[in-house]
Amino acid sequence: MKYLLFTFLFLFAFFSNHNKVSALNDYEIIKICKKERKKRNCIVNMKEKKIKLLKGKRIKIPVIQFKR
């Protein structure tokens, strides 16, 4: 019984997140780009990446190293 419940929960979790894409909304993009030096360029680039992501195309994500 325990294994059946575990299998059901695992399959439910696996299939519930299938094929979903979440992108930033416009407010979040503006909030992130407030810190940038060139705000307008940042907003335009982020919105282009959002559109590409929603269409299913690949985008480049920069990796920022953690500083201690």
N, C-alpha and C. Protein backbone atom coordinates (compact mmCIF):
# COMPACT_ATOMS: atom_id res chain seq x y z
N MET A 1 0.82 -1.19 0.00
CA MET A 1 0.00 0.00 0.00
C MET A 1 0.87 1.26 0.00
N LYS A 2 1.95 1.19 0.77
CA LYS A 2 2.85 2.33 0.87
C LYS A 2 3.53 2.60 -0.48
N TYR A 3 3.92 1.54 -1.16
CA TYR A 3 4.58 1.68 -2.46
C TYR A 3 3.62 2.20 -3.53
N LEU A 4 2.38 1.78 -3.45
CA LEU A 4 1.36 2.25 -4.38
C LEU A 4 1.13 3.75 -4.23
N LEU A 5 1.05 4.21 -2.99
CA LEU A 5 0.88 5.64 -2.72
C LEU A 5 2.09 6.43 -3.20
N PHE A 6 3.28 5.94 -2.91
CA PHE A 6 4.50 6.61 -3.35
C PHE A 6 4.56 6.69 -4.87
N THR A 7 4.22 5.61 -5.56
CA THR A 7 4.24 5.58 -7.02
C THR A 7 3.23 6.56 -7.60
N PHE A 8 2.04 6.60 -7.02
CA PHE A 8 1.02 7.52 -7.48
C PHE A 8 1.46 8.97 -7.31
N LEU A 9 2.01 9.32 -6.15
CA LEU A 9 2.47 10.69 -5.90
C LEU A 9 3.62 11.07 -6.82
N PHE A 10 4.52 10.13 -7.07
CA PHE A 10 5.64 10.39 -7.97
C PHE A 10 5.15 10.66 -9.39
N LEU A 11 4.25 9.83 -9.87
CA LEU A 11 3.72 10.02 -11.22
C LEU A 11 2.90 11.30 -11.33
N PHE A 12 2.16 11.62 -10.31
CA PHE A 12 1.38 12.86 -10.31
C PHE A 12 2.30 14.08 -10.37
N ALA A 13 3.36 14.08 -9.58
CA ALA A 13 4.30 15.19 -9.58
C ALA A 13 5.03 15.29 -10.92
N PHE A 14 5.35 14.15 -11.50
CA PHE A 14 6.08 14.14 -12.76
C PHE A 14 5.23 14.69 -13.91
N PHE A 15 3.98 14.29 -13.99
CA PHE A 15 3.13 14.71 -15.09
C PHE A 15 2.45 16.05 -14.87
N SER A 16 2.40 16.54 -13.65
CA SER A 16 1.75 17.83 -13.41
C SER A 16 2.62 18.99 -13.89
N ASN A 17 3.93 18.83 -13.93
CA ASN A 17 4.83 19.90 -14.36
C ASN A 17 5.29 19.74 -15.80
N HIS A 18 4.68 18.88 -16.53
CA HIS A 18 5.11 18.58 -17.89
C HIS A 18 4.73 19.70 -18.85
N ASN A 19 5.73 20.16 -19.62
CA ASN A 19 5.52 21.10 -20.72
C ASN A 19 4.98 22.46 -20.28
N LYS A 20 5.45 22.98 -19.17
CA LYS A 20 5.06 24.31 -18.73
C LYS A 20 6.26 25.23 -18.81
N VAL A 21 6.02 26.45 -19.28
CA VAL A 21 7.08 27.44 -19.37
C VAL A 21 6.63 28.66 -18.59
N SER A 22 7.49 29.12 -17.71
CA SER A 22 7.15 30.34 -16.98
C SER A 22 8.18 31.41 -17.32
N ALA A 23 7.69 32.56 -17.69
CA ALA A 23 8.56 33.67 -18.04
C ALA A 23 8.21 34.85 -17.12
N LEU A 24 9.13 35.78 -17.04
CA LEU A 24 8.90 36.96 -16.21
C LEU A 24 7.81 37.84 -16.81
N ASN A 25 7.00 38.45 -15.95
CA ASN A 25 6.03 39.40 -16.48
C ASN A 25 6.71 40.77 -16.59
N ASP A 26 6.00 41.74 -17.17
CA ASP A 26 6.61 43.04 -17.45
C ASP A 26 7.06 43.77 -16.18
N TYR A 27 6.28 43.66 -15.12
CA TYR A 27 6.66 44.32 -13.86
C TYR A 27 7.97 43.75 -13.32
N GLU A 28 8.14 42.44 -13.37
CA GLU A 28 9.38 41.83 -12.87
C GLU A 28 10.57 42.22 -13.73
N ILE A 29 10.36 42.34 -15.04
CA ILE A 29 11.45 42.76 -15.93
C ILE A 29 11.89 44.18 -15.60
N ILE A 30 10.95 45.07 -15.40
CA ILE A 30 11.28 46.46 -15.06
C ILE A 30 11.97 46.52 -13.70
N LYS A 31 11.52 45.72 -12.76
CA LYS A 31 12.12 45.69 -11.42
C LYS A 31 13.58 45.23 -11.47
N ILE A 32 13.86 44.23 -12.30
CA ILE A 32 15.23 43.72 -12.45
C ILE A 32 16.11 44.76 -13.14
N CYS A 33 15.57 45.43 -14.16
CA CYS A 33 16.37 46.36 -14.96
C CYS A 33 16.56 47.72 -14.32
N LYS A 34 15.93 47.98 -13.19
CA LYS A 34 16.13 49.26 -12.49
C LYS A 34 17.58 49.43 -12.05
N LYS A 35 18.23 48.32 -11.74
CA LYS A 35 19.60 48.35 -11.24
C LYS A 35 20.63 48.53 -12.34
N GLU A 36 20.24 48.28 -13.57
CA GLU A 36 21.18 48.34 -14.70
C GLU A 36 21.49 49.78 -15.10
N ARG A 37 22.63 49.93 -15.73
CA ARG A 37 23.06 51.25 -16.17
C ARG A 37 22.25 51.72 -17.39
N LYS A 38 22.07 50.81 -18.35
CA LYS A 38 21.27 51.11 -19.54
C LYS A 38 19.92 50.40 -19.40
N LYS A 39 18.98 51.09 -18.79
CA LYS A 39 17.70 50.48 -18.45
C LYS A 39 16.90 50.08 -19.68
N ARG A 40 16.85 50.95 -20.67
CA ARG A 40 16.03 50.69 -21.86
C ARG A 40 16.53 49.47 -22.62
N ASN A 41 17.84 49.35 -22.79
CA ASN A 41 18.41 48.19 -23.48
C ASN A 41 18.13 46.90 -22.71
N CYS A 42 18.22 46.98 -21.40
CA CYS A 42 17.96 45.82 -20.57
C CYS A 42 16.51 45.36 -20.74
N ILE A 43 15.58 46.29 -20.70
CA ILE A 43 14.16 45.96 -20.84
C ILE A 43 13.87 45.33 -22.21
N VAL A 44 14.43 45.91 -23.26
CA VAL A 44 14.21 45.38 -24.62
C VAL A 44 14.79 43.98 -24.74
N ASN A 45 16.00 43.76 -24.23
CA ASN A 45 16.63 42.44 -24.31
C ASN A 45 15.85 41.39 -23.52
N MET A 46 15.40 41.76 -22.33
CA MET A 46 14.65 40.81 -21.51
C MET A 46 13.31 40.45 -22.15
N LYS A 47 12.64 41.43 -22.77
CA LYS A 47 11.36 41.15 -23.42
C LYS A 47 11.56 40.26 -24.65
N GLU A 48 12.65 40.47 -25.39
CA GLU A 48 12.94 39.60 -26.53
C GLU A 48 13.20 38.17 -26.07
N LYS A 49 13.95 38.01 -24.98
CA LYS A 49 14.22 36.68 -24.44
C LYS A 49 12.94 36.03 -23.96
N LYS A 50 12.05 36.81 -23.37
CA LYS A 50 10.77 36.28 -22.90
C LYS A 50 9.95 35.74 -24.06
N ILE A 51 9.90 36.49 -25.16
CA ILE A 51 9.13 36.06 -26.34
C ILE A 51 9.73 34.78 -26.93
N LYS A 52 11.06 34.73 -27.03
CA LYS A 52 11.72 33.53 -27.56
C LYS A 52 11.45 32.32 -26.67
N LEU A 53 11.48 32.53 -25.35
CA LEU A 53 11.24 31.44 -24.41
C LEU A 53 9.82 30.92 -24.54
N LEU A 54 8.86 31.82 -24.68
CA LEU A 54 7.46 31.39 -24.82
C LEU A 54 7.20 30.69 -26.14
N LYS A 55 7.98 31.03 -27.18
CA LYS A 55 7.83 30.35 -28.47
C LYS A 55 8.51 28.99 -28.48
N GLY A 56 9.36 28.73 -27.48
CA GLY A 56 10.03 27.44 -27.40
C GLY A 56 11.44 27.44 -27.96
N LYS A 57 11.97 28.61 -28.27
CA LYS A 57 13.33 28.70 -28.79
C LYS A 57 14.32 28.76 -27.63
N ARG A 58 15.57 28.46 -27.92
CA ARG A 58 16.60 28.48 -26.90
C ARG A 58 17.07 29.91 -26.64
N ILE A 59 17.43 30.18 -25.39
CA ILE A 59 18.00 31.47 -25.02
C ILE A 59 19.27 31.21 -24.22
N LYS A 60 20.16 32.19 -24.22
CA LYS A 60 21.38 32.08 -23.43
C LYS A 60 21.13 32.70 -22.06
N ILE A 61 21.57 31.98 -21.05
CA ILE A 61 21.43 32.47 -19.66
C ILE A 61 22.84 32.63 -19.10
N PRO A 62 23.23 33.87 -18.75
CA PRO A 62 24.57 34.05 -18.21
C PRO A 62 24.68 33.49 -16.80
N VAL A 63 25.85 32.95 -16.48
CA VAL A 63 26.10 32.39 -15.16
C VAL A 63 26.93 33.41 -14.39
N ILE A 64 26.41 33.84 -13.27
CA ILE A 64 27.10 34.82 -12.42
C ILE A 64 27.70 34.06 -11.24
N GLN A 65 29.01 34.21 -11.06
CA GLN A 65 29.69 33.50 -10.00
C GLN A 65 29.36 34.12 -8.65
N PHE A 66 29.26 33.27 -7.65
CA PHE A 66 28.96 33.71 -6.30
C PHE A 66 30.24 34.23 -5.64
N LYS A 67 30.15 35.42 -5.08
CA LYS A 67 31.31 36.02 -4.39
C LYS A 67 31.08 35.92 -2.88
N ARG A 68 32.11 35.47 -2.19
CA ARG A 68 31.98 35.34 -0.73
C ARG A 68 32.37 36.60 -0.02
